[in-house]
């Protein structure tokens, strides 16, 4: 399994900057290859998610744009940008949080994605697994099911919070 922690506020600034640059470069490359347009609105939504480094709801993004520009964008414009970013694999939606986050991997759209979500600190680790991809394909084939979205959200405690709980407890 390949795991990559989504940059969190407590992460080193250099790591967060590198993650931001990587996310934006990946988006620009993908759009260039696919002939898709990364409009200013789409870019701004992706920048917010990449800068924040944690899941955000659409209305959180509206507030961040309002603080930065003095104007509240219409929710529909944020959702349209998110739809484009989701369709192109540049962001993920965490259903359990009704929130979105920038994709930390350059994985293919059909690959399964696993989110390990810490219940204590909110850290999200994004992981992919070729073995999991094979198992899901096998499960689907056995039952005649063709999966379109393969997203797993697993909640628990991250290493740091687990160690703190063990020390206390």
N, C-alpha and C. Protein backbone atom coordinates (compact mmCIF):
# COMPACT_ATOMS: atom_id res chain seq x y z
N UNK A 1 0.85 -1.17 0.00
CA UNK A 1 0.00 0.00 0.00
C UNK A 1 0.89 1.23 0.00
N UNK A 2 0.58 2.18 -0.82
CA UNK A 2 1.31 3.43 -0.88
C UNK A 2 0.48 4.47 -0.15
N UNK A 3 1.07 5.07 0.87
CA UNK A 3 0.34 6.07 1.64
C UNK A 3 1.04 7.41 1.56
N UNK A 4 0.27 8.45 1.54
CA UNK A 4 0.82 9.79 1.57
C UNK A 4 -0.09 10.61 2.45
N UNK A 5 0.50 11.16 3.48
CA UNK A 5 -0.26 11.99 4.39
C UNK A 5 -0.60 13.29 3.70
N UNK A 6 -1.84 13.68 3.80
CA UNK A 6 -2.26 14.97 3.29
C UNK A 6 -1.64 16.01 4.21
N UNK A 7 -0.98 17.06 3.67
CA UNK A 7 -0.32 18.03 4.52
C UNK A 7 -1.28 18.61 5.55
N UNK A 8 -0.87 18.64 6.78
CA UNK A 8 -1.69 19.18 7.85
C UNK A 8 -1.07 20.47 8.37
N UNK A 9 -1.83 21.32 9.04
CA UNK A 9 -1.31 22.60 9.51
C UNK A 9 -0.05 22.46 10.36
N UNK A 10 0.09 21.39 11.11
CA UNK A 10 1.24 21.26 11.99
C UNK A 10 2.48 20.72 11.25
N UNK A 11 2.33 20.38 9.99
CA UNK A 11 3.43 19.87 9.21
C UNK A 11 4.43 20.99 8.95
N UNK A 12 5.67 20.62 8.68
CA UNK A 12 6.69 21.61 8.38
C UNK A 12 6.27 22.43 7.17
N UNK A 13 6.60 23.72 7.23
CA UNK A 13 6.20 24.63 6.15
C UNK A 13 6.79 24.18 4.82
N UNK A 14 8.03 23.71 4.81
CA UNK A 14 8.65 23.29 3.55
C UNK A 14 7.91 22.11 2.94
N UNK A 15 7.41 21.19 3.78
CA UNK A 15 6.64 20.05 3.27
C UNK A 15 5.32 20.51 2.68
N UNK A 16 4.68 21.45 3.36
CA UNK A 16 3.40 21.97 2.88
C UNK A 16 3.58 22.71 1.55
N UNK A 17 4.65 23.48 1.42
CA UNK A 17 4.92 24.20 0.18
C UNK A 17 5.19 23.22 -0.96
N UNK A 18 5.99 22.19 -0.67
CA UNK A 18 6.29 21.18 -1.69
C UNK A 18 5.02 20.46 -2.13
N UNK A 19 4.15 20.12 -1.18
CA UNK A 19 2.89 19.44 -1.50
C UNK A 19 2.00 20.35 -2.35
N UNK A 20 1.94 21.63 -1.99
CA UNK A 20 1.14 22.60 -2.76
C UNK A 20 1.64 22.68 -4.19
N UNK A 21 2.95 22.86 -4.35
CA UNK A 21 3.53 22.97 -5.70
C UNK A 21 3.29 21.71 -6.52
N UNK A 22 3.43 20.56 -5.89
CA UNK A 22 3.21 19.29 -6.57
C UNK A 22 1.77 19.17 -7.04
N UNK A 23 0.83 19.52 -6.17
CA UNK A 23 -0.60 19.45 -6.51
C UNK A 23 -0.92 20.36 -7.69
N UNK A 24 -0.42 21.58 -7.66
CA UNK A 24 -0.73 22.53 -8.72
C UNK A 24 -0.06 22.12 -10.04
N UNK A 25 1.19 21.64 -9.96
CA UNK A 25 1.88 21.19 -11.18
C UNK A 25 1.16 19.99 -11.79
N UNK A 26 0.71 19.06 -10.94
CA UNK A 26 -0.03 17.90 -11.41
C UNK A 26 -1.32 18.33 -12.12
N UNK A 27 -2.01 19.31 -11.55
CA UNK A 27 -3.26 19.81 -12.15
C UNK A 27 -2.99 20.45 -13.50
N UNK A 28 -1.96 21.26 -13.57
CA UNK A 28 -1.64 21.93 -14.84
C UNK A 28 -1.24 20.91 -15.91
N UNK A 29 -0.43 19.92 -15.52
CA UNK A 29 -0.02 18.87 -16.47
C UNK A 29 -1.23 18.08 -16.97
N UNK A 30 -2.10 17.69 -16.04
CA UNK A 30 -3.28 16.91 -16.42
C UNK A 30 -4.16 17.70 -17.38
N UNK A 31 -4.42 18.95 -17.06
CA UNK A 31 -5.28 19.77 -17.92
C UNK A 31 -4.65 19.96 -19.30
N UNK A 32 -3.36 20.15 -19.35
CA UNK A 32 -2.67 20.30 -20.63
C UNK A 32 -2.80 19.02 -21.46
N UNK A 33 -2.56 17.87 -20.81
CA UNK A 33 -2.65 16.57 -21.51
C UNK A 33 -4.06 16.28 -22.00
N UNK A 34 -5.05 16.59 -21.17
CA UNK A 34 -6.44 16.25 -21.48
C UNK A 34 -7.17 17.33 -22.28
N UNK A 35 -6.53 18.47 -22.47
CA UNK A 35 -7.18 19.57 -23.17
C UNK A 35 -8.28 20.21 -22.34
N UNK A 36 -8.19 20.06 -21.04
CA UNK A 36 -9.18 20.65 -20.12
C UNK A 36 -8.70 22.03 -19.69
N UNK A 37 -9.62 22.87 -19.29
CA UNK A 37 -9.26 24.23 -18.92
C UNK A 37 -9.34 24.41 -17.41
N UNK A 38 -8.22 24.80 -16.84
CA UNK A 38 -8.17 25.12 -15.41
C UNK A 38 -8.47 26.61 -15.28
N UNK A 39 -9.76 26.93 -15.25
CA UNK A 39 -10.20 28.32 -15.20
C UNK A 39 -9.74 28.97 -13.89
N UNK A 40 -9.77 30.29 -13.81
CA UNK A 40 -9.39 30.95 -12.55
C UNK A 40 -10.21 30.46 -11.34
N UNK A 41 -11.51 30.23 -11.53
CA UNK A 41 -12.34 29.75 -10.41
C UNK A 41 -11.93 28.34 -9.99
N UNK A 42 -11.70 27.47 -10.95
CA UNK A 42 -11.27 26.10 -10.65
C UNK A 42 -9.90 26.12 -9.97
N UNK A 43 -9.00 26.93 -10.51
CA UNK A 43 -7.65 27.04 -9.94
C UNK A 43 -7.73 27.52 -8.49
N UNK A 44 -8.57 28.53 -8.24
CA UNK A 44 -8.66 29.09 -6.88
C UNK A 44 -9.18 28.05 -5.90
N UNK A 45 -10.18 27.29 -6.28
CA UNK A 45 -10.71 26.24 -5.40
C UNK A 45 -9.63 25.20 -5.12
N UNK A 46 -8.91 24.78 -6.15
CA UNK A 46 -7.83 23.81 -5.95
C UNK A 46 -6.72 24.40 -5.10
N UNK A 47 -6.37 25.66 -5.32
CA UNK A 47 -5.34 26.30 -4.50
C UNK A 47 -5.74 26.33 -3.03
N UNK A 48 -6.99 26.65 -2.76
CA UNK A 48 -7.47 26.68 -1.37
C UNK A 48 -7.32 25.31 -0.74
N UNK A 49 -7.76 24.27 -1.44
CA UNK A 49 -7.66 22.92 -0.88
C UNK A 49 -6.20 22.50 -0.71
N UNK A 50 -5.36 22.83 -1.68
CA UNK A 50 -3.94 22.46 -1.58
C UNK A 50 -3.24 23.24 -0.48
N UNK A 51 -3.57 24.52 -0.33
CA UNK A 51 -2.97 25.34 0.73
C UNK A 51 -3.41 24.87 2.11
N UNK A 52 -4.68 24.56 2.23
CA UNK A 52 -5.24 24.18 3.52
C UNK A 52 -4.70 22.83 3.98
N UNK A 53 -4.59 21.89 3.04
CA UNK A 53 -4.03 20.59 3.37
C UNK A 53 -4.91 19.74 4.27
N UNK A 54 -6.19 20.06 4.32
CA UNK A 54 -7.14 19.25 5.10
C UNK A 54 -8.49 19.35 4.41
N UNK A 55 -9.39 18.43 4.73
CA UNK A 55 -10.71 18.48 4.09
C UNK A 55 -11.46 19.76 4.45
N UNK A 56 -12.10 20.35 3.44
CA UNK A 56 -12.91 21.55 3.63
C UNK A 56 -14.25 21.37 2.94
N UNK A 57 -15.28 21.95 3.53
CA UNK A 57 -16.59 21.98 2.90
C UNK A 57 -16.67 23.14 1.92
N UNK A 58 -17.65 23.11 1.04
CA UNK A 58 -17.81 24.15 0.03
C UNK A 58 -18.00 25.53 0.67
N UNK A 59 -18.75 25.59 1.76
CA UNK A 59 -18.99 26.88 2.39
C UNK A 59 -17.75 27.40 3.11
N UNK A 60 -16.88 26.50 3.55
CA UNK A 60 -15.58 26.94 4.10
C UNK A 60 -14.76 27.61 3.00
N UNK A 61 -14.82 27.05 1.79
CA UNK A 61 -14.09 27.63 0.66
C UNK A 61 -14.67 28.99 0.29
N UNK A 62 -15.99 29.11 0.33
CA UNK A 62 -16.63 30.39 0.04
C UNK A 62 -16.12 31.45 1.01
N UNK A 63 -16.05 31.11 2.29
CA UNK A 63 -15.57 32.06 3.30
C UNK A 63 -14.12 32.44 3.07
N UNK A 64 -13.29 31.48 2.71
CA UNK A 64 -11.87 31.77 2.45
C UNK A 64 -11.72 32.71 1.26
N UNK A 65 -12.52 32.50 0.22
CA UNK A 65 -12.48 33.39 -0.94
C UNK A 65 -12.98 34.78 -0.55
N UNK A 66 -14.04 34.83 0.25
CA UNK A 66 -14.60 36.11 0.69
C UNK A 66 -13.59 36.90 1.51
N UNK A 67 -12.86 36.23 2.38
CA UNK A 67 -11.84 36.91 3.19
C UNK A 67 -10.73 37.45 2.30
N UNK A 68 -10.33 36.65 1.31
CA UNK A 68 -9.22 37.05 0.43
C UNK A 68 -9.61 38.14 -0.57
N UNK A 69 -10.86 38.11 -1.05
CA UNK A 69 -11.24 39.03 -2.13
C UNK A 69 -12.27 40.08 -1.73
N UNK A 70 -12.95 39.85 -0.61
CA UNK A 70 -14.01 40.76 -0.21
C UNK A 70 -15.34 40.46 -0.89
N UNK A 71 -15.37 39.40 -1.70
CA UNK A 71 -16.60 39.02 -2.41
C UNK A 71 -16.95 37.58 -2.09
N UNK A 72 -18.24 37.33 -1.85
CA UNK A 72 -18.73 35.97 -1.63
C UNK A 72 -19.13 35.35 -2.96
N UNK A 73 -18.41 34.34 -3.42
CA UNK A 73 -18.84 33.69 -4.67
C UNK A 73 -20.13 32.90 -4.44
N UNK A 74 -20.88 32.72 -5.49
CA UNK A 74 -22.11 31.92 -5.41
C UNK A 74 -21.75 30.47 -5.15
N UNK A 75 -22.48 29.79 -4.26
CA UNK A 75 -22.19 28.38 -4.01
C UNK A 75 -22.15 27.54 -5.28
N UNK A 76 -23.02 27.84 -6.25
CA UNK A 76 -23.04 27.05 -7.48
C UNK A 76 -21.70 27.13 -8.21
N UNK A 77 -21.02 28.27 -8.15
CA UNK A 77 -19.73 28.38 -8.83
C UNK A 77 -18.67 27.51 -8.15
N UNK A 78 -18.75 27.40 -6.84
CA UNK A 78 -17.82 26.54 -6.10
C UNK A 78 -18.11 25.08 -6.43
N UNK A 79 -19.38 24.71 -6.43
CA UNK A 79 -19.75 23.32 -6.73
C UNK A 79 -19.40 22.95 -8.17
N UNK A 80 -19.54 23.87 -9.10
CA UNK A 80 -19.13 23.59 -10.49
C UNK A 80 -17.63 23.35 -10.58
N UNK A 81 -16.87 24.18 -9.89
CA UNK A 81 -15.41 23.99 -9.88
C UNK A 81 -15.06 22.65 -9.24
N UNK A 82 -15.73 22.32 -8.14
CA UNK A 82 -15.47 21.03 -7.48
C UNK A 82 -15.84 19.86 -8.38
N UNK A 83 -16.95 19.97 -9.10
CA UNK A 83 -17.34 18.90 -10.04
C UNK A 83 -16.24 18.66 -11.07
N UNK A 84 -15.71 19.73 -11.65
CA UNK A 84 -14.63 19.61 -12.62
C UNK A 84 -13.41 18.95 -11.98
N UNK A 85 -13.03 19.42 -10.81
CA UNK A 85 -11.84 18.89 -10.13
C UNK A 85 -12.04 17.43 -9.74
N UNK A 86 -13.25 17.06 -9.31
CA UNK A 86 -13.55 15.66 -8.99
C UNK A 86 -13.47 14.78 -10.24
N UNK A 87 -14.11 15.23 -11.31
CA UNK A 87 -14.13 14.46 -12.56
C UNK A 87 -12.73 14.21 -13.11
N UNK A 88 -11.82 15.13 -12.84
CA UNK A 88 -10.46 15.01 -13.36
C UNK A 88 -9.49 14.44 -12.34
N UNK A 89 -10.01 13.96 -11.21
CA UNK A 89 -9.17 13.31 -10.21
C UNK A 89 -8.22 14.23 -9.48
N UNK A 90 -8.52 15.52 -9.45
CA UNK A 90 -7.65 16.47 -8.78
C UNK A 90 -8.03 16.69 -7.33
N UNK A 91 -9.26 16.37 -6.98
CA UNK A 91 -9.71 16.43 -5.59
C UNK A 91 -10.52 15.17 -5.30
N UNK A 92 -10.68 14.91 -4.02
CA UNK A 92 -11.51 13.80 -3.56
C UNK A 92 -12.59 14.37 -2.65
N UNK A 93 -13.69 13.65 -2.59
CA UNK A 93 -14.77 14.01 -1.65
C UNK A 93 -14.78 12.98 -0.55
N UNK A 94 -14.73 13.47 0.68
CA UNK A 94 -14.89 12.59 1.84
C UNK A 94 -16.36 12.63 2.22
N UNK A 95 -17.08 11.58 1.90
CA UNK A 95 -18.52 11.54 2.14
C UNK A 95 -18.84 11.66 3.63
N UNK A 96 -18.04 11.03 4.48
CA UNK A 96 -18.32 11.05 5.91
C UNK A 96 -18.19 12.44 6.52
N UNK A 97 -17.45 13.31 5.86
CA UNK A 97 -17.23 14.67 6.35
C UNK A 97 -17.93 15.71 5.47
N UNK A 98 -18.53 15.27 4.37
CA UNK A 98 -19.10 16.17 3.37
C UNK A 98 -18.09 17.28 3.06
N UNK A 99 -16.87 16.85 2.78
CA UNK A 99 -15.77 17.78 2.56
C UNK A 99 -14.90 17.28 1.41
N UNK A 100 -14.05 18.16 0.95
CA UNK A 100 -13.19 17.88 -0.20
C UNK A 100 -11.74 18.12 0.19
N UNK A 101 -10.83 17.41 -0.48
CA UNK A 101 -9.42 17.67 -0.28
C UNK A 101 -8.67 17.42 -1.57
N UNK A 102 -7.57 18.14 -1.72
CA UNK A 102 -6.75 17.99 -2.92
C UNK A 102 -6.16 16.60 -2.94
N UNK A 103 -6.06 16.02 -4.13
CA UNK A 103 -5.50 14.68 -4.29
C UNK A 103 -4.00 14.72 -4.05
N UNK A 104 -3.53 13.86 -3.17
CA UNK A 104 -2.11 13.81 -2.84
C UNK A 104 -1.33 12.87 -3.75
N UNK A 105 -2.01 12.12 -4.56
CA UNK A 105 -1.36 11.16 -5.47
C UNK A 105 -1.66 11.53 -6.91
N UNK A 106 -0.86 11.01 -7.80
CA UNK A 106 -1.16 11.16 -9.21
C UNK A 106 -1.73 9.86 -9.75
N UNK A 107 -2.60 9.22 -8.97
CA UNK A 107 -3.13 7.91 -9.35
C UNK A 107 -4.20 8.03 -10.42
N UNK A 108 -4.49 6.91 -11.01
CA UNK A 108 -5.52 6.86 -12.05
C UNK A 108 -6.90 6.92 -11.41
N UNK A 109 -7.85 7.43 -12.17
CA UNK A 109 -9.22 7.63 -11.68
C UNK A 109 -9.87 6.33 -11.22
N UNK A 110 -9.56 5.22 -11.91
CA UNK A 110 -10.21 3.95 -11.59
C UNK A 110 -9.56 3.22 -10.41
N UNK A 111 -8.44 3.72 -9.91
CA UNK A 111 -7.78 3.07 -8.79
C UNK A 111 -8.53 3.34 -7.49
N UNK A 112 -8.57 2.35 -6.61
CA UNK A 112 -9.20 2.59 -5.32
C UNK A 112 -8.35 3.54 -4.47
N UNK A 113 -9.03 4.34 -3.69
CA UNK A 113 -8.35 5.27 -2.79
C UNK A 113 -8.85 4.98 -1.38
N UNK A 114 -7.93 4.95 -0.45
CA UNK A 114 -8.27 4.72 0.95
C UNK A 114 -7.89 5.96 1.73
N UNK A 115 -8.81 6.45 2.55
CA UNK A 115 -8.52 7.57 3.43
C UNK A 115 -8.53 7.07 4.86
N UNK A 116 -7.42 7.26 5.54
CA UNK A 116 -7.29 6.91 6.95
C UNK A 116 -7.48 8.21 7.72
N UNK A 117 -8.59 8.30 8.44
CA UNK A 117 -8.99 9.55 9.08
C UNK A 117 -8.87 9.41 10.59
N UNK A 118 -8.01 10.25 11.19
CA UNK A 118 -7.84 10.21 12.64
C UNK A 118 -9.02 10.91 13.31
N UNK A 119 -9.68 10.18 14.20
CA UNK A 119 -10.84 10.73 14.91
C UNK A 119 -10.44 11.78 15.95
N UNK A 120 -9.17 11.76 16.38
CA UNK A 120 -8.74 12.68 17.42
C UNK A 120 -8.24 14.02 16.85
N UNK A 121 -7.32 13.97 15.90
CA UNK A 121 -6.70 15.21 15.40
C UNK A 121 -7.17 15.61 14.01
N UNK A 122 -7.89 14.73 13.31
CA UNK A 122 -8.39 15.05 11.99
C UNK A 122 -7.42 14.82 10.85
N UNK A 123 -6.24 14.31 11.14
CA UNK A 123 -5.26 14.02 10.10
C UNK A 123 -5.86 13.04 9.10
N UNK A 124 -5.63 13.28 7.83
CA UNK A 124 -6.11 12.39 6.78
C UNK A 124 -4.90 11.89 6.00
N UNK A 125 -4.78 10.57 5.89
CA UNK A 125 -3.74 9.96 5.08
C UNK A 125 -4.42 9.31 3.89
N UNK A 126 -3.96 9.66 2.68
CA UNK A 126 -4.49 9.09 1.45
C UNK A 126 -3.57 7.96 1.03
N UNK A 127 -4.15 6.82 0.72
CA UNK A 127 -3.34 5.67 0.32
C UNK A 127 -3.97 4.98 -0.89
N UNK A 128 -3.12 4.35 -1.67
CA UNK A 128 -3.58 3.51 -2.78
C UNK A 128 -2.91 2.16 -2.64
N UNK A 129 -3.50 1.14 -3.22
CA UNK A 129 -2.96 -0.20 -3.11
C UNK A 129 -3.29 -1.00 -4.35
N UNK A 130 -2.27 -1.52 -5.01
CA UNK A 130 -2.51 -2.37 -6.18
C UNK A 130 -3.21 -3.66 -5.76
N UNK A 131 -2.84 -4.19 -4.60
CA UNK A 131 -3.48 -5.41 -4.11
C UNK A 131 -4.97 -5.17 -3.86
N UNK A 132 -5.29 -4.03 -3.28
CA UNK A 132 -6.70 -3.69 -3.04
C UNK A 132 -7.43 -3.53 -4.37
N UNK A 133 -6.78 -2.93 -5.34
CA UNK A 133 -7.37 -2.78 -6.68
C UNK A 133 -7.73 -4.15 -7.27
N UNK A 134 -6.81 -5.10 -7.14
CA UNK A 134 -7.06 -6.45 -7.64
C UNK A 134 -8.22 -7.11 -6.89
N UNK A 135 -8.25 -6.97 -5.58
CA UNK A 135 -9.31 -7.58 -4.77
C UNK A 135 -10.68 -6.99 -5.10
N UNK A 136 -10.74 -5.69 -5.27
CA UNK A 136 -12.02 -5.06 -5.62
C UNK A 136 -12.48 -5.52 -7.00
N UNK A 137 -11.54 -5.61 -7.95
CA UNK A 137 -11.89 -6.10 -9.29
C UNK A 137 -12.41 -7.53 -9.22
N UNK A 138 -11.77 -8.35 -8.40
CA UNK A 138 -12.19 -9.74 -8.24
C UNK A 138 -13.58 -9.82 -7.61
N UNK A 139 -13.80 -9.05 -6.55
CA UNK A 139 -15.12 -9.02 -5.91
C UNK A 139 -16.20 -8.58 -6.90
N UNK A 140 -15.90 -7.55 -7.67
CA UNK A 140 -16.85 -7.07 -8.66
C UNK A 140 -17.15 -8.12 -9.71
N UNK A 141 -16.10 -8.77 -10.21
CA UNK A 141 -16.27 -9.79 -11.25
C UNK A 141 -17.09 -10.97 -10.73
N UNK A 142 -16.83 -11.39 -9.50
CA UNK A 142 -17.55 -12.52 -8.92
C UNK A 142 -19.05 -12.24 -8.78
N UNK A 143 -19.39 -10.99 -8.56
CA UNK A 143 -20.81 -10.66 -8.37
C UNK A 143 -21.41 -9.96 -9.58
N UNK A 144 -20.65 -9.84 -10.67
CA UNK A 144 -21.16 -9.19 -11.87
C UNK A 144 -21.37 -7.70 -11.69
N UNK A 145 -20.56 -7.10 -10.86
CA UNK A 145 -20.69 -5.69 -10.53
C UNK A 145 -19.51 -4.92 -11.11
N UNK A 146 -19.79 -3.78 -11.72
CA UNK A 146 -18.73 -2.94 -12.29
C UNK A 146 -18.61 -1.66 -11.46
N UNK A 147 -17.64 -1.60 -10.55
CA UNK A 147 -17.51 -0.41 -9.70
C UNK A 147 -17.05 0.81 -10.51
N UNK A 148 -17.61 1.96 -10.17
CA UNK A 148 -17.21 3.22 -10.81
C UNK A 148 -16.36 4.05 -9.86
N UNK A 149 -16.69 4.01 -8.61
CA UNK A 149 -15.96 4.78 -7.61
C UNK A 149 -15.50 3.82 -6.53
N UNK A 150 -14.24 3.91 -6.20
CA UNK A 150 -13.68 2.99 -5.22
C UNK A 150 -12.98 3.80 -4.13
N UNK A 151 -13.77 4.32 -3.21
CA UNK A 151 -13.24 5.16 -2.14
C UNK A 151 -13.62 4.53 -0.81
N UNK A 152 -12.62 4.28 0.01
CA UNK A 152 -12.84 3.75 1.35
C UNK A 152 -12.41 4.80 2.37
N UNK A 153 -13.24 5.01 3.37
CA UNK A 153 -12.90 5.92 4.46
C UNK A 153 -12.83 5.09 5.73
N UNK A 154 -11.68 5.10 6.35
CA UNK A 154 -11.47 4.32 7.56
C UNK A 154 -11.11 5.28 8.68
N UNK A 155 -11.88 5.22 9.76
CA UNK A 155 -11.60 6.09 10.90
C UNK A 155 -10.90 5.31 11.99
N UNK A 156 -10.11 6.01 12.75
CA UNK A 156 -9.35 5.41 13.85
C UNK A 156 -8.43 6.45 14.43
N UNK A 157 -7.29 6.00 14.93
CA UNK A 157 -6.31 6.91 15.51
C UNK A 157 -5.01 6.84 14.72
N UNK A 158 -4.44 7.99 14.41
CA UNK A 158 -3.15 8.03 13.74
C UNK A 158 -2.07 7.57 14.73
N UNK A 159 -0.87 7.37 14.23
CA UNK A 159 0.23 6.90 15.06
C UNK A 159 0.45 7.80 16.28
N UNK A 160 0.47 9.10 16.05
CA UNK A 160 0.73 10.05 17.13
C UNK A 160 -0.37 10.02 18.19
N UNK A 161 -1.62 10.07 17.76
CA UNK A 161 -2.74 10.06 18.72
C UNK A 161 -2.85 8.70 19.41
N UNK A 162 -2.56 7.62 18.68
CA UNK A 162 -2.57 6.29 19.28
C UNK A 162 -1.51 6.17 20.36
N UNK A 163 -0.33 6.73 20.10
CA UNK A 163 0.75 6.70 21.09
C UNK A 163 0.38 7.53 22.32
N UNK A 164 -0.24 8.68 22.10
CA UNK A 164 -0.67 9.52 23.22
C UNK A 164 -1.71 8.80 24.07
N UNK A 165 -2.65 8.14 23.41
CA UNK A 165 -3.69 7.41 24.14
C UNK A 165 -3.08 6.27 24.93
N UNK A 166 -2.13 5.55 24.33
CA UNK A 166 -1.47 4.44 25.02
C UNK A 166 -0.68 4.93 26.22
N UNK A 167 -0.05 6.10 26.10
CA UNK A 167 0.74 6.65 27.20
C UNK A 167 -0.14 7.06 28.37
N UNK A 168 -1.34 7.56 28.06
CA UNK A 168 -2.27 7.99 29.10
C UNK A 168 -2.97 6.81 29.74
N UNK A 169 -3.21 5.83 28.90
CA UNK A 169 -4.00 4.86 29.28
C UNK A 169 -4.30 3.62 29.67
